[in-house]
Amino acid sequence: MPITKPNAPLGKPGRKRTSAKVEVFTYGGLAVEEAQMAGVMDGASTHLSFRAPEALIEEARRVSGMTSPTELGLAGLALLAQRDPVVEFLKQTRGRLGADHDLEY
């Protein structure tokens, strides 16, 4: 479900203008904005070309509000490039229990 923010500035990537006063934030669009802020969207570009199921593309367009294949591709890559803090925590704490854990019954 999109998050709406009244009176937000319009025209930023990943955002869909719905009226003069309301802007809809899309999950993929916000991921692109975060990738821009992290600096991973800077520098030279590489051309990608691949085939995808038409139903997948249409569903991604419907959910995201994005229409161009480039927007969809950038949003998908931005989502994949985001680090998941839960995964990092699990990697760091694998095999360790807290001091309060008692394994005896």
PDB file of N, CA and C in Angstrom:
ATOM      1  N   MET A   1       0.838  -1.181   0.000  1.00  0.00           N
ATOM      2  CA  MET A   1       0.000   0.000   0.000  1.00  0.00           C
ATOM      3  C   MET A   1       0.877   1.236   0.000  1.00  0.00           C
ATOM      4  N   PRO A   2       0.648   2.175  -0.915  1.00  0.00           N
ATOM      5  CA  PRO A   2       1.463   3.379  -0.985  1.00  0.00           C
ATOM      6  C   PRO A   2       1.271   4.265   0.237  1.00  0.00           C
ATOM      7  N   ILE A   3       2.300   5.000   0.571  1.00  0.00           N
ATOM      8  CA  ILE A   3       2.252   5.953   1.675  1.00  0.00           C
ATOM      9  C   ILE A   3       2.026   7.323   1.053  1.00  0.00           C
ATOM     10  N   THR A   4       1.064   8.064   1.552  1.00  0.00           N
ATOM     11  CA  THR A   4       0.820   9.396   1.005  1.00  0.00           C
ATOM     12  C   THR A   4       1.333  10.445   1.963  1.00  0.00           C
ATOM     13  N   LYS A   5       1.814  11.517   1.400  1.00  0.00           N
ATOM     14  CA  LYS A   5       2.329  12.625   2.187  1.00  0.00           C
ATOM     15  C   LYS A   5       1.745  13.911   1.622  1.00  0.00           C
ATOM     16  N   PRO A   6       0.882  14.606   2.364  1.00  0.00           N
ATOM     17  CA  PRO A   6       0.296  15.836   1.845  1.00  0.00           C
ATOM     18  C   PRO A   6       1.326  16.948   1.700  1.00  0.00           C
ATOM     19  N   ASN A   7       1.115  17.792   0.699  1.00  0.00           N
ATOM     20  CA  ASN A   7       1.920  18.990   0.468  1.00  0.00           C
ATOM     21  C   ASN A   7       3.400  18.716   0.271  1.00  0.00           C
ATOM     22  N   ALA A   8       3.763  17.560  -0.284  1.00  0.00           N
ATOM     23  CA  ALA A   8       5.164  17.236  -0.542  1.00  0.00           C
ATOM     24  C   ALA A   8       5.590  17.848  -1.868  1.00  0.00           C
ATOM     25  N   PRO A   9       6.893  18.128  -2.032  1.00  0.00           N
ATOM     26  CA  PRO A   9       7.339  18.631  -3.321  1.00  0.00           C
ATOM     27  C   PRO A   9       7.140  17.566  -4.397  1.00  0.00           C
ATOM     28  N   LEU A  10       6.763  17.992  -5.587  1.00  0.00           N
ATOM     29  CA  LEU A  10       6.441  17.039  -6.642  1.00  0.00           C
ATOM     30  C   LEU A  10       7.600  16.882  -7.603  1.00  0.00           C
ATOM     31  N   GLY A  11       7.583  15.783  -8.360  1.00  0.00           N
ATOM     32  CA  GLY A  11       8.516  15.601  -9.436  1.00  0.00           C
ATOM     33  C   GLY A  11       9.790  14.857  -9.088  1.00  0.00           C
ATOM     34  N   LYS A  12       9.935  14.302  -7.894  1.00  0.00           N
ATOM     35  CA  LYS A  12      11.130  13.554  -7.544  1.00  0.00           C
ATOM     36  C   LYS A  12      11.006  12.124  -8.052  1.00  0.00           C
ATOM     37  N   PRO A  13      12.142  11.430  -8.310  1.00  0.00           N
ATOM     38  CA  PRO A  13      12.086  10.060  -8.815  1.00  0.00           C
ATOM     39  C   PRO A  13      11.355   9.141  -7.851  1.00  0.00           C
ATOM     40  N   GLY A  14      10.606   8.204  -8.420  1.00  0.00           N
ATOM     41  CA  GLY A  14       9.929   7.221  -7.597  1.00  0.00           C
ATOM     42  C   GLY A  14       8.628   7.701  -6.999  1.00  0.00           C
ATOM     43  N   ARG A  15       8.232   8.885  -7.350  1.00  0.00           N
ATOM     44  CA  ARG A  15       6.997   9.414  -6.798  1.00  0.00           C
ATOM     45  C   ARG A  15       6.028   9.682  -7.927  1.00  0.00           C
ATOM     46  N   LYS A  16       4.793   9.437  -7.675  1.00  0.00           N
ATOM     47  CA  LYS A  16       3.764   9.578  -8.691  1.00  0.00           C
ATOM     48  C   LYS A  16       2.846  10.712  -8.287  1.00  0.00           C
ATOM     49  N   ARG A  17       2.680  11.669  -9.165  1.00  0.00           N
ATOM     50  CA  ARG A  17       1.816  12.812  -8.868  1.00  0.00           C
ATOM     51  C   ARG A  17       0.370  12.374  -9.010  1.00  0.00           C
ATOM     52  N   THR A  18      -0.406  12.546  -7.948  1.00  0.00           N
ATOM     53  CA  THR A  18      -1.808  12.162  -7.983  1.00  0.00           C
ATOM     54  C   THR A  18      -2.719  13.370  -7.940  1.00  0.00           C
ATOM     55  N   SER A  19      -2.235  14.474  -7.420  1.00  0.00           N
ATOM     56  CA  SER A  19      -2.987  15.725  -7.419  1.00  0.00           C
ATOM     57  C   SER A  19      -2.003  16.848  -7.142  1.00  0.00           C
ATOM     58  N   ALA A  20      -2.491  18.059  -7.092  1.00  0.00           N
ATOM     59  CA  ALA A  20      -1.611  19.190  -6.838  1.00  0.00           C
ATOM     60  C   ALA A  20      -1.068  19.174  -5.414  1.00  0.00           C
ATOM     61  N   LYS A  21      -1.732  18.487  -4.495  1.00  0.00           N
ATOM     62  CA  LYS A  21      -1.331  18.539  -3.093  1.00  0.00           C
ATOM     63  C   LYS A  21      -0.880  17.207  -2.510  1.00  0.00           C
ATOM     64  N   VAL A  22      -1.078  16.099  -3.200  1.00  0.00           N
ATOM     65  CA  VAL A  22      -0.764  14.787  -2.627  1.00  0.00           C
ATOM     66  C   VAL A  22       0.182  14.040  -3.555  1.00  0.00           C
ATOM     67  N   GLU A  23       1.149  13.363  -2.976  1.00  0.00           N
ATOM     68  CA  GLU A  23       2.137  12.610  -3.723  1.00  0.00           C
ATOM     69  C   GLU A  23       2.146  11.184  -3.178  1.00  0.00           C
ATOM     70  N   VAL A  24       2.247  10.196  -4.056  1.00  0.00           N
ATOM     71  CA  VAL A  24       2.259   8.806  -3.634  1.00  0.00           C
ATOM     72  C   VAL A  24       3.694   8.303  -3.702  1.00  0.00           C
ATOM     73  N   PHE A  25       4.164   7.703  -2.610  1.00  0.00           N
ATOM     74  CA  PHE A  25       5.504   7.152  -2.545  1.00  0.00           C
ATOM     75  C   PHE A  25       5.420   5.665  -2.861  1.00  0.00           C
ATOM     76  N   THR A  26       6.233   5.206  -3.788  1.00  0.00           N
ATOM     77  CA  THR A  26       6.248   3.788  -4.128  1.00  0.00           C
ATOM     78  C   THR A  26       7.470   3.141  -3.504  1.00  0.00           C
ATOM     79  N   TYR A  27       7.348   1.860  -3.186  1.00  0.00           N
ATOM     80  CA  TYR A  27       8.429   1.118  -2.556  1.00  0.00           C
ATOM     81  C   TYR A  27       9.685   1.152  -3.419  1.00  0.00           C
ATOM     82  N   GLY A  28       9.553   0.839  -4.700  1.00  0.00           N
ATOM     83  CA  GLY A  28      10.696   0.864  -5.599  1.00  0.00           C
ATOM     84  C   GLY A  28      11.271   2.255  -5.760  1.00  0.00           C
ATOM     85  N   GLY A  29      10.391   3.251  -5.823  1.00  0.00           N
ATOM     86  CA  GLY A  29      10.844   4.630  -5.974  1.00  0.00           C
ATOM     87  C   GLY A  29      11.627   5.112  -4.764  1.00  0.00           C
ATOM     88  N   LEU A  30      11.197   4.726  -3.590  1.00  0.00           N
ATOM     89  CA  LEU A  30      11.930   5.101  -2.384  1.00  0.00           C
ATOM     90  C   LEU A  30      13.273   4.391  -2.341  1.00  0.00           C
ATOM     91  N   ALA A  31      13.335   3.155  -2.831  1.00  0.00           N
ATOM     92  CA  ALA A  31      14.606   2.435  -2.891  1.00  0.00           C
ATOM     93  C   ALA A  31      15.572   3.148  -3.823  1.00  0.00           C
ATOM     94  N   VAL A  32      15.071   3.675  -4.949  1.00  0.00           N
ATOM     95  CA  VAL A  32      15.911   4.424  -5.883  1.00  0.00           C
ATOM     96  C   VAL A  32      16.425   5.690  -5.202  1.00  0.00           C
ATOM     97  N   GLU A  33      15.577   6.383  -4.475  1.00  0.00           N
ATOM     98  CA  GLU A  33      16.006   7.590  -3.766  1.00  0.00           C
ATOM     99  C   GLU A  33      17.075   7.272  -2.727  1.00  0.00           C
ATOM    100  N   GLU A  34      16.915   6.168  -1.998  1.00  0.00           N
ATOM    101  CA  GLU A  34      17.922   5.779  -1.012  1.00  0.00           C
ATOM    102  C   GLU A  34      19.232   5.419  -1.696  1.00  0.00           C
ATOM    103  N   ALA A  35      19.161   4.763  -2.856  1.00  0.00           N
ATOM    104  CA  ALA A  35      20.370   4.429  -3.610  1.00  0.00           C
ATOM    105  C   ALA A  35      21.064   5.707  -4.073  1.00  0.00           C
ATOM    106  N   GLN A  36      20.286   6.713  -4.467  1.00  0.00           N
ATOM    107  CA  GLN A  36      20.863   8.002  -4.867  1.00  0.00           C
ATOM    108  C   GLN A  36      21.569   8.657  -3.688  1.00  0.00           C
ATOM    109  N   MET A  37      20.923   8.635  -2.515  1.00  0.00           N
ATOM    110  CA  MET A  37      21.522   9.240  -1.328  1.00  0.00           C
ATOM    111  C   MET A  37      22.796   8.497  -0.912  1.00  0.00           C
ATOM    112  N   ALA A  38      22.846   7.180  -1.146  1.00  0.00           N
ATOM    113  CA  ALA A  38      24.024   6.389  -0.801  1.00  0.00           C
ATOM    114  C   ALA A  38      25.147   6.562  -1.812  1.00  0.00           C
ATOM    115  N   GLY A  39      24.855   7.204  -2.940  1.00  0.00           N
ATOM    116  CA  GLY A  39      25.866   7.466  -3.940  1.00  0.00           C
ATOM    117  C   GLY A  39      26.104   6.330  -4.922  1.00  0.00           C
ATOM    118  N   VAL A  40      25.290   5.276  -4.882  1.00  0.00           N
ATOM    119  CA  VAL A  40      25.515   4.147  -5.789  1.00  0.00           C
ATOM    120  C   VAL A  40      24.901   4.369  -7.164  1.00  0.00           C
ATOM    121  N   MET A  41      24.210   5.465  -7.360  1.00  0.00           N
ATOM    122  CA  MET A  41      23.633   5.791  -8.661  1.00  0.00           C
ATOM    123  C   MET A  41      24.548   6.742  -9.438  1.00  0.00           C
ATOM    124  N   ASP A  42      25.654   7.155  -8.819  1.00  0.00           N
ATOM    125  CA  ASP A  42      26.591   8.080  -9.456  1.00  0.00           C
ATOM    126  C   ASP A  42      27.549   7.311 -10.360  1.00  0.00           C
ATOM    127  N   GLY A  43      28.169   8.017 -11.269  1.00  0.00           N
ATOM    128  CA  GLY A  43      29.207   7.412 -12.105  1.00  0.00           C
ATOM    129  C   GLY A  43      28.674   6.910 -13.427  1.00  0.00           C
ATOM    130  N   ALA A  44      29.498   6.116 -14.087  1.00  0.00           N
ATOM    131  CA  ALA A  44      29.174   5.602 -15.419  1.00  0.00           C
ATOM    132  C   ALA A  44      28.029   4.598 -15.358  1.00  0.00           C
ATOM    133  N   SER A  45      27.321   4.489 -16.468  1.00  0.00           N
ATOM    134  CA  SER A  45      26.208   3.548 -16.584  1.00  0.00           C
ATOM    135  C   SER A  45      26.625   2.337 -17.401  1.00  0.00           C
ATOM    136  N   THR A  46      25.967   1.223 -17.158  1.00  0.00           N
ATOM    137  CA  THR A  46      26.167   0.010 -17.929  1.00  0.00           C
ATOM    138  C   THR A  46      24.840  -0.372 -18.545  1.00  0.00           C
ATOM    139  N   HIS A  47      24.873  -0.787 -19.790  1.00  0.00           N
ATOM    140  CA  HIS A  47      23.648  -1.201 -20.471  1.00  0.00           C
ATOM    141  C   HIS A  47      23.306  -2.633 -20.073  1.00  0.00           C
ATOM    142  N   LEU A  48      22.063  -2.859 -19.662  1.00  0.00           N
ATOM    143  CA  LEU A  48      21.566  -4.194 -19.356  1.00  0.00           C
ATOM    144  C   LEU A  48      20.430  -4.519 -20.305  1.00  0.00           C
ATOM    145  N   SER A  49      20.340  -5.759 -20.691  1.00  0.00           N
ATOM    146  CA  SER A  49      19.256  -6.200 -21.545  1.00  0.00           C
ATOM    147  C   SER A  49      18.883  -7.617 -21.131  1.00  0.00           C
ATOM    148  N   PHE A  50      17.606  -7.839 -20.852  1.00  0.00           N
ATOM    149  CA  PHE A  50      17.164  -9.181 -20.480  1.00  0.00           C
ATOM    150  C   PHE A  50      15.685  -9.324 -20.777  1.00  0.00           C
ATOM    151  N   ARG A  51      15.243 -10.533 -20.802  1.00  0.00           N
ATOM    152  CA  ARG A  51      13.824 -10.825 -21.007  1.00  0.00           C
ATOM    153  C   ARG A  51      13.188 -11.147 -19.665  1.00  0.00           C
ATOM    154  N   ALA A  52      11.936 -10.750 -19.518  1.00  0.00           N
ATOM    155  CA  ALA A  52      11.188 -11.023 -18.293  1.00  0.00           C
ATOM    156  C   ALA A  52       9.759 -11.392 -18.676  1.00  0.00           C
ATOM    157  N   PRO A  53       9.112 -12.205 -17.863  1.00  0.00           N
ATOM    158  CA  PRO A  53       7.720 -12.554 -18.146  1.00  0.00           C
ATOM    159  C   PRO A  53       6.835 -11.304 -18.180  1.00  0.00           C
ATOM    160  N   GLU A  54       5.980 -11.245 -19.179  1.00  0.00           N
ATOM    161  CA  GLU A  54       5.115 -10.081 -19.350  1.00  0.00           C
ATOM    162  C   GLU A  54       4.241  -9.835 -18.121  1.00  0.00           C
ATOM    163  N   ALA A  55       3.735 -10.904 -17.517  1.00  0.00           N
ATOM    164  CA  ALA A  55       2.882 -10.752 -16.327  1.00  0.00           C
ATOM    165  C   ALA A  55       3.656 -10.124 -15.166  1.00  0.00           C
ATOM    166  N   LEU A  56       4.927 -10.476 -15.022  1.00  0.00           N
ATOM    167  CA  LEU A  56       5.757  -9.899 -13.968  1.00  0.00           C
ATOM    168  C   LEU A  56       5.970  -8.407 -14.199  1.00  0.00           C
ATOM    169  N   ILE A  57       6.230  -8.053 -15.437  1.00  0.00           N
ATOM    170  CA  ILE A  57       6.429  -6.639 -15.777  1.00  0.00           C
ATOM    171  C   ILE A  57       5.153  -5.841 -15.524  1.00  0.00           C
ATOM    172  N   GLU A  58       4.034  -6.361 -15.959  1.00  0.00           N
ATOM    173  CA  GLU A  58       2.762  -5.652 -15.768  1.00  0.00           C
ATOM    174  C   GLU A  58       2.417  -5.508 -14.289  1.00  0.00           C
ATOM    175  N   GLU A  59       2.672  -6.542 -13.501  1.00  0.00           N
ATOM    176  CA  GLU A  59       2.393  -6.450 -12.058  1.00  0.00           C
ATOM    177  C   GLU A  59       3.319  -5.437 -11.397  1.00  0.00           C
ATOM    178  N   ALA A  60       4.589  -5.434 -11.797  1.00  0.00           N
ATOM    179  CA  ALA A  60       5.535  -4.450 -11.251  1.00  0.00           C
ATOM    180  C   ALA A  60       5.105  -3.035 -11.621  1.00  0.00           C
ATOM    181  N   ARG A  61       4.644  -2.843 -12.836  1.00  0.00           N
ATOM    182  CA  ARG A  61       4.143  -1.524 -13.251  1.00  0.00           C
ATOM    183  C   ARG A  61       2.915  -1.128 -12.447  1.00  0.00           C
ATOM    184  N   ARG A  62       2.003  -2.075 -12.265  1.00  0.00           N
ATOM    185  CA  ARG A  62       0.767  -1.786 -11.526  1.00  0.00           C
ATOM    186  C   ARG A  62       1.077  -1.406 -10.081  1.00  0.00           C
ATOM    187  N   VAL A  63       1.937  -2.174  -9.434  1.00  0.00           N
ATOM    188  CA  VAL A  63       2.244  -1.935  -8.026  1.00  0.00           C
ATOM    189  C   VAL A  63       3.069  -0.666  -7.837  1.00  0.00           C
ATOM    190  N   SER A  64       4.031  -0.441  -8.726  1.00  0.00           N
ATOM    191  CA  SER A  64       4.953   0.681  -8.533  1.00  0.00           C
ATOM    192  C   SER A  64       4.462   1.991  -9.133  1.00  0.00           C
ATOM    193  N   GLY A  65       3.619   1.908 -10.151  1.00  0.00           N
ATOM    194  CA  GLY A  65       3.209   3.112 -10.843  1.00  0.00           C
ATOM    195  C   GLY A  65       4.231   3.560 -11.875  1.00  0.00           C
ATOM    196  N   MET A  66       5.325   2.830 -12.012  1.00  0.00           N
ATOM    197  CA  MET A  66       6.364   3.146 -12.993  1.00  0.00           C
ATOM    198  C   MET A  66       5.958   2.566 -14.343  1.00  0.00           C
ATOM    199  N   THR A  67       6.302   3.268 -15.402  1.00  0.00           N
ATOM    200  CA  THR A  67       5.908   2.789 -16.723  1.00  0.00           C
ATOM    201  C   THR A  67       7.083   2.413 -17.598  1.00  0.00           C
ATOM    202  N   SER A  68       8.222   3.037 -17.424  1.00  0.00           N
ATOM    203  CA  SER A  68       9.339   2.751 -18.320  1.00  0.00           C
ATOM    204  C   SER A  68      10.140   1.548 -17.832  1.00  0.00           C
ATOM    205  N   PRO A  69      10.652   0.749 -18.761  1.00  0.00           N
ATOM    206  CA  PRO A  69      11.490  -0.387 -18.377  1.00  0.00           C
ATOM    207  C   PRO A  69      12.730   0.049 -17.596  1.00  0.00           C
ATOM    208  N   THR A  70      13.276   1.209 -17.927  1.00  0.00           N
ATOM    209  CA  THR A  70      14.453   1.699 -17.197  1.00  0.00           C
ATOM    210  C   THR A  70      14.117   1.972 -15.745  1.00  0.00           C
ATOM    211  N   GLU A  71      12.986   2.636 -15.490  1.00  0.00           N
ATOM    212  CA  GLU A  71      12.563   2.891 -14.107  1.00  0.00           C
ATOM    213  C   GLU A  71      12.393   1.591 -13.342  1.00  0.00           C
ATOM    214  N   LEU A  72      11.735   0.620 -13.971  1.00  0.00           N
ATOM    215  CA  LEU A  72      11.517  -0.670 -13.316  1.00  0.00           C
ATOM    216  C   LEU A  72      12.835  -1.371 -13.012  1.00  0.00           C
ATOM    217  N   GLY A  73      13.751  -1.345 -13.972  1.00  0.00           N
ATOM    218  CA  GLY A  73      15.054  -1.979 -13.770  1.00  0.00           C
ATOM    219  C   GLY A  73      15.844  -1.319 -12.657  1.00  0.00           C
ATOM    220  N   LEU A  74      15.860   0.013 -12.637  1.00  0.00           N
ATOM    221  CA  LEU A  74      16.581   0.727 -11.582  1.00  0.00           C
ATOM    222  C   LEU A  74      15.972   0.461 -10.215  1.00  0.00           C
ATOM    223  N   ALA A  75      14.650   0.427 -10.150  1.00  0.00           N
ATOM    224  CA  ALA A  75      13.985   0.153  -8.868  1.00  0.00           C
ATOM    225  C   ALA A  75      14.322  -1.261  -8.387  1.00  0.00           C
ATOM    226  N   GLY A  76      14.295  -2.231  -9.301  1.00  0.00           N
ATOM    227  CA  GLY A  76      14.628  -3.603  -8.925  1.00  0.00           C
ATOM    228  C   GLY A  76      16.056  -3.728  -8.425  1.00  0.00           C
ATOM    229  N   LEU A  77      17.001  -3.110  -9.125  1.00  0.00           N
ATOM    230  CA  LEU A  77      18.396  -3.156  -8.689  1.00  0.00           C
ATOM    231  C   LEU A  77      18.593  -2.419  -7.365  1.00  0.00           C
ATOM    232  N   ALA A  78      17.906  -1.290  -7.197  1.00  0.00           N
ATOM    233  CA  ALA A  78      18.018  -0.535  -5.944  1.00  0.00           C
ATOM    234  C   ALA A  78      17.495  -1.353  -4.773  1.00  0.00           C
ATOM    235  N   LEU A  79      16.406  -2.085  -4.984  1.00  0.00           N
ATOM    236  CA  LEU A  79      15.872  -2.934  -3.916  1.00  0.00           C
ATOM    237  C   LEU A  79      16.855  -4.043  -3.563  1.00  0.00           C
ATOM    238  N   LEU A  80      17.485  -4.639  -4.566  1.00  0.00           N
ATOM    239  CA  LEU A  80      18.462  -5.695  -4.314  1.00  0.00           C
ATOM    240  C   LEU A  80      19.718  -5.169  -3.635  1.00  0.00           C
ATOM    241  N   ALA A  81      20.085  -3.925  -3.916  1.00  0.00           N
ATOM    242  CA  ALA A  81      21.307  -3.344  -3.365  1.00  0.00           C
ATOM    243  C   ALA A  81      21.154  -2.889  -1.918  1.00  0.00           C
ATOM    244  N   GLN A  82      19.924  -2.775  -1.436  1.00  0.00           N
ATOM    245  CA  GLN A  82      19.718  -2.334  -0.057  1.00  0.00           C
ATOM    246  C   GLN A  82      20.162  -3.415   0.912  1.00  0.00           C
ATOM    247  N   ARG A  83      20.830  -3.003   1.933  1.00  0.00           N
ATOM    248  CA  ARG A  83      21.245  -3.942   2.968  1.00  0.00           C
ATOM    249  C   ARG A  83      20.104  -4.146   3.940  1.00  0.00           C
ATOM    250  N   ASP A  84      19.919  -5.393   4.315  1.00  0.00           N
ATOM    251  CA  ASP A  84      18.879  -5.744   5.275  1.00  0.00           C
ATOM    252  C   ASP A  84      19.522  -5.820   6.655  1.00  0.00           C
ATOM    253  N   PRO A  85      19.159  -4.931   7.587  1.00  0.00           N
ATOM    254  CA  PRO A  85      19.796  -4.944   8.906  1.00  0.00           C
ATOM    255  C   PRO A  85      19.557  -6.238   9.674  1.00  0.00           C
ATOM    256  N   VAL A  86      18.466  -6.915   9.416  1.00  0.00           N
ATOM    257  CA  VAL A  86      18.189  -8.179  10.103  1.00  0.00           C
ATOM    258  C   VAL A  86      19.200  -9.236   9.665  1.00  0.00           C
ATOM    259  N   VAL A  87      19.494  -9.290   8.368  1.00  0.00           N
ATOM    260  CA  VAL A  87      20.481 -10.256   7.870  1.00  0.00           C
ATOM    261  C   VAL A  87      21.846  -9.973   8.479  1.00  0.00           C
ATOM    262  N   GLU A  88      22.239  -8.709   8.531  1.00  0.00           N
ATOM    263  CA  GLU A  88      23.528  -8.354   9.125  1.00  0.00           C
ATOM    264  C   GLU A  88      23.581  -8.775  10.589  1.00  0.00           C
ATOM    265  N   PHE A  89      22.503  -8.545  11.337  1.00  0.00           N
ATOM    266  CA  PHE A  89      22.456  -8.932  12.739  1.00  0.00           C
ATOM    267  C   PHE A  89      22.575 -10.447  12.885  1.00  0.00           C
ATOM    268  N   LEU A  90      21.847 -11.197  12.065  1.00  0.00           N
ATOM    269  CA  LEU A  90      21.903 -12.658  12.145  1.00  0.00           C
ATOM    270  C   LEU A  90      23.293 -13.187  11.818  1.00  0.00           C
ATOM    271  N   LYS A  91      23.960 -12.580  10.855  1.00  0.00           N
ATOM    272  CA  LYS A  91      25.326 -12.994  10.517  1.00  0.00           C
ATOM    273  C   LYS A  91      26.281 -12.735  11.682  1.00  0.00           C
ATOM    274  N   GLN A  92      26.129 -11.594  12.313  1.00  0.00           N
ATOM    275  CA  GLN A  92      27.029 -11.217  13.403  1.00  0.00           C
ATOM    276  C   GLN A  92      26.798 -12.039  14.665  1.00  0.00           C
ATOM    277  N   THR A  93      25.585 -12.491  14.890  1.00  0.00           N
ATOM    278  CA  THR A  93      25.258 -13.180  16.148  1.00  0.00           C
ATOM    279  C   THR A  93      25.057 -14.681  15.972  1.00  0.00           C
ATOM    280  N   ARG A  94      25.361 -15.225  14.806  1.00  0.00           N
ATOM    281  CA  ARG A  94      25.153 -16.650  14.547  1.00  0.00           C
ATOM    282  C   ARG A  94      25.955 -17.490  15.548  1.00  0.00           C
ATOM    283  N   GLY A  95      25.265 -18.439  16.180  1.00  0.00           N
ATOM    284  CA  GLY A  95      25.910 -19.355  17.103  1.00  0.00           C
ATOM    285  C   GLY A  95      26.137 -18.796  18.496  1.00  0.00           C
ATOM    286  N   ARG A  96      25.638 -17.639  18.785  1.00  0.00           N
ATOM    287  CA  ARG A  96      25.828 -17.022  20.101  1.00  0.00           C
ATOM    288  C   ARG A  96      24.494 -16.855  20.812  1.00  0.00           C
ATOM    289  N   LEU A  97      24.522 -17.117  22.088  1.00  0.00           N
ATOM    290  CA  LEU A  97      23.343 -16.872  22.916  1.00  0.00           C
ATOM    291  C   LEU A  97      23.675 -15.761  23.902  1.00  0.00           C
ATOM    292  N   GLY A  98      22.670 -15.055  24.343  1.00  0.00           N
ATOM    293  CA  GLY A  98      22.875 -14.011  25.337  1.00  0.00           C
ATOM    294  C   GLY A  98      23.238 -14.603  26.692  1.00  0.00           C
ATOM    295  N   ALA A  99      23.760 -13.751  27.565  1.00  0.00           N
ATOM    296  CA  ALA A  99      24.194 -14.198  28.899  1.00  0.00           C
ATOM    297  C   ALA A  99      23.031 -14.742  29.723  1.00  0.00           C
ATOM    298  N   ASP A 100      21.815 -14.326  29.430  1.00  0.00           N
ATOM    299  CA  ASP A 100      20.649 -14.743  30.209  1.00  0.00           C
ATOM    300  C   ASP A 100      20.044 -16.060  29.741  1.00  0.00           C
ATOM    301  N   HIS A 101      20.555 -16.661  28.690  1.00  0.00           N
ATOM    302  CA  HIS A 101      19.984 -17.902  28.176  1.00  0.00           C
ATOM    303  C   HIS A 101      20.494 -19.100  28.962  1.00  0.00           C
ATOM    304  N   ASP A 102      19.573 -19.964  29.326  1.00  0.00           N
ATOM    305  CA  ASP A 102      19.923 -21.178  30.061  1.00  0.00           C
ATOM    306  C   ASP A 102      19.414 -22.364  29.243  1.00  0.00           C
ATOM    307  N   LEU A 103      20.324 -23.243  28.853  1.00  0.00           N
ATOM    308  CA  LEU A 103      19.939 -24.393  28.032  1.00  0.00           C
ATOM    309  C   LEU A 103      19.598 -25.624  28.866  1.00  0.00           C
ATOM    310  N   GLU A 104      19.739 -25.541  30.183  1.00  0.00           N
ATOM    311  CA  GLU A 104      19.419 -26.682  31.031  1.00  0.00           C
ATOM    312  C   GLU A 104      17.936 -26.699  31.358  1.00  0.00           C
ATOM    313  N   TYR A 105      17.374 -27.905  31.438  1.00  0.00           N
ATOM    314  CA  TYR A 105      15.959 -28.033  31.744  1.00  0.00           C
ATOM    315  C   TYR A 105      15.747 -28.390  33.165  1.00  0.00           C
TER     316      TYR A 105
END
